[in-house]
Amino acid sequence: MQEKGLGEKTGEDPGAIRELQMVVPPANHMMKFIMRVDEVLESRTMNMVGSWKHGAAITVALIEPMPLPDILNKLREMPEVVEIEEKIPTEEYLLGLLEKAAALPKGNPGPQKTIMVTAKQGHESKERK
């Protein structure tokens, strides 16, 4: 297999996502949510742009590239997540967040995906039983 754009042979799935950008509408527990995403996806948060009022665009680097369906399933299993959309709505404030995020340097070469994740308001992170 070849890593897209690099021409070096690797054992990775060429469609596996290396970076995930999430647009998250305002949530009063944003930092806890971001830490939980890093835990669940085994990722590290690279960038966050936005505001408490309008939400944020968060870019995470996955330690191990992962197919998008696996990423979405892991996020859907989080009790903090209400909804995930692969298509970003066209509200002006969301598009503004994406423009700001696009101006930041990218950390990893390879596939990146942007999704919209809606988190529960006021939810405290708790492990499922």
Protein backbone atom coordinates (compact mmCIF):
# COMPACT_ATOMS: atom_id res chain seq x y z
CA MET A 1 0.00 0.00 0.00
CA GLN A 2 1.10 3.57 -0.50
CA GLU A 3 0.56 6.52 1.75
CA LYS A 4 -1.37 9.11 -0.22
CA GLY A 5 0.86 11.78 -1.68
CA LEU A 6 4.12 10.49 -0.24
CA GLY A 7 4.91 7.55 -2.48
CA GLU A 8 6.48 5.54 0.34
CA LYS A 9 5.17 2.05 0.96
CA THR A 10 3.56 1.52 4.35
CA GLY A 11 1.30 -1.09 5.89
CA GLU A 12 -1.41 1.50 6.59
CA ASP A 13 -4.84 1.56 5.02
CA PRO A 14 -4.54 4.46 2.52
CA GLY A 15 -7.99 5.69 3.55
CA ALA A 16 -7.24 5.70 7.28
CA ILE A 17 -7.67 9.11 8.87
CA ARG A 18 -4.60 10.72 10.47
CA GLU A 19 -6.26 13.97 11.60
CA LEU A 20 -9.82 14.64 12.56
CA GLN A 21 -11.31 18.11 12.69
CA MET A 22 -14.48 18.44 14.74
CA VAL A 23 -16.82 21.39 14.71
CA VAL A 24 -18.44 21.49 18.14
CA PRO A 25 -21.33 23.88 18.85
CA PRO A 26 -21.10 25.73 22.18
CA ALA A 27 -20.96 23.47 25.23
CA ASN A 28 -20.34 24.64 28.77
CA HIS A 29 -18.03 21.68 29.40
CA MET A 30 -15.84 22.01 26.30
CA MET A 31 -12.50 21.20 27.97
CA LYS A 32 -13.83 18.01 29.61
CA PHE A 33 -15.32 17.00 26.27
CA ILE A 34 -12.01 17.53 24.44
CA MET A 35 -10.07 15.51 27.04
CA ARG A 36 -12.63 12.70 26.74
CA VAL A 37 -12.32 12.68 22.92
CA ASP A 38 -8.54 12.36 23.24
CA GLU A 39 -9.03 9.45 25.62
CA VAL A 40 -11.59 7.63 23.45
CA LEU A 41 -9.78 8.13 20.12
CA GLU A 42 -6.29 7.77 21.59
CA SER A 43 -5.46 11.13 20.05
CA ARG A 44 -3.92 14.41 21.05
CA THR A 45 -5.55 17.77 20.54
CA MET A 46 -3.45 19.91 18.23
CA ASN A 47 -5.52 23.05 17.67
CA MET A 48 -8.71 24.64 18.86
CA VAL A 49 -10.19 27.83 17.47
CA GLY A 50 -13.48 29.41 18.36
CA SER A 51 -15.33 30.85 21.29
CA TRP A 52 -17.54 29.71 24.13
CA LYS A 53 -20.45 31.50 22.45
CA HIS A 54 -20.12 30.08 18.92
CA GLY A 55 -18.45 26.73 19.50
CA ALA A 56 -15.07 25.52 18.34
CA ALA A 57 -13.22 23.76 15.56
CA ILE A 58 -10.95 21.21 17.20
CA THR A 59 -8.21 19.33 15.35
CA VAL A 60 -6.96 16.10 16.88
CA ALA A 61 -4.06 13.95 15.68
CA LEU A 62 -4.69 10.24 15.93
CA ILE A 63 -1.76 8.31 17.36
CA GLU A 64 -2.65 5.42 15.02
CA PRO A 65 -4.48 6.16 11.74
CA MET A 66 -8.01 4.77 11.82
CA PRO A 67 -10.77 4.24 9.24
CA LEU A 68 -13.53 6.86 9.46
CA PRO A 69 -16.29 4.34 10.35
CA ASP A 70 -14.25 3.23 13.39
CA ILE A 71 -13.78 6.86 14.47
CA LEU A 72 -17.49 7.59 14.13
CA ASN A 73 -18.46 4.45 16.06
CA LYS A 74 -16.12 5.34 18.95
CA LEU A 75 -17.51 8.88 19.10
CA ARG A 76 -21.14 7.64 18.95
CA GLU A 77 -20.45 5.39 21.95
CA MET A 78 -19.49 8.41 24.07
CA PRO A 79 -22.37 9.34 26.39
CA GLU A 80 -21.40 13.01 25.90
CA VAL A 81 -22.19 12.92 22.16
CA VAL A 82 -25.71 13.74 21.00
CA GLU A 83 -25.19 13.75 17.23
CA ILE A 84 -22.49 13.44 14.56
CA GLU A 85 -22.87 14.85 11.06
CA GLU A 86 -20.38 14.24 8.27
CA LYS A 87 -21.67 17.27 6.36
CA ILE A 88 -21.12 20.62 8.06
CA PRO A 89 -24.21 22.87 8.04
CA THR A 90 -23.75 26.18 6.23
CA GLU A 91 -24.42 28.53 9.14
CA GLU A 92 -22.08 31.51 8.87
CA TYR A 93 -20.49 31.06 12.30
CA LEU A 94 -19.61 27.41 11.52
CA LEU A 95 -18.04 28.32 8.20
CA GLY A 96 -16.08 31.06 9.98
CA LEU A 97 -14.73 28.50 12.45
CA LEU A 98 -13.60 26.29 9.57
CA GLU A 99 -11.86 29.21 7.83
CA LYS A 100 -9.95 30.00 11.02
CA ALA A 101 -9.02 26.35 11.49
CA ALA A 102 -7.88 26.06 7.85
CA ALA A 103 -5.38 28.88 8.44
CA LEU A 104 -3.57 26.84 11.11
CA PRO A 105 -0.67 24.60 10.08
CA LYS A 106 -1.48 20.92 9.65
CA GLY A 107 0.38 18.48 11.86
CA ASN A 108 0.24 15.24 9.89
CA PRO A 109 0.43 14.59 6.18
CA GLY A 110 -2.30 12.28 5.01
CA PRO A 111 -6.07 12.05 5.07
CA GLN A 112 -8.02 14.47 7.23
CA LYS A 113 -11.78 14.54 7.79
CA THR A 114 -14.02 17.27 9.18
CA ILE A 115 -17.21 16.34 11.05
CA MET A 116 -19.70 18.13 13.25
CA VAL A 117 -20.14 16.74 16.76
CA THR A 118 -22.90 17.97 19.06
CA ALA A 119 -22.21 17.39 22.75
CA LYS A 120 -24.76 17.28 25.55
CA GLN A 121 -25.08 20.48 27.54
CA GLY A 122 -24.01 20.30 31.16
CA HIS A 123 -23.11 16.60 30.96
CA GLU A 124 -20.42 15.41 33.32
CA SER A 125 -18.19 12.66 31.89
CA LYS A 126 -19.18 9.32 33.39
CA GLU A 127 -18.18 5.82 32.46
CA ARG A 128 -20.95 3.64 31.07
CA LYS A 129 -21.95 0.71 33.23
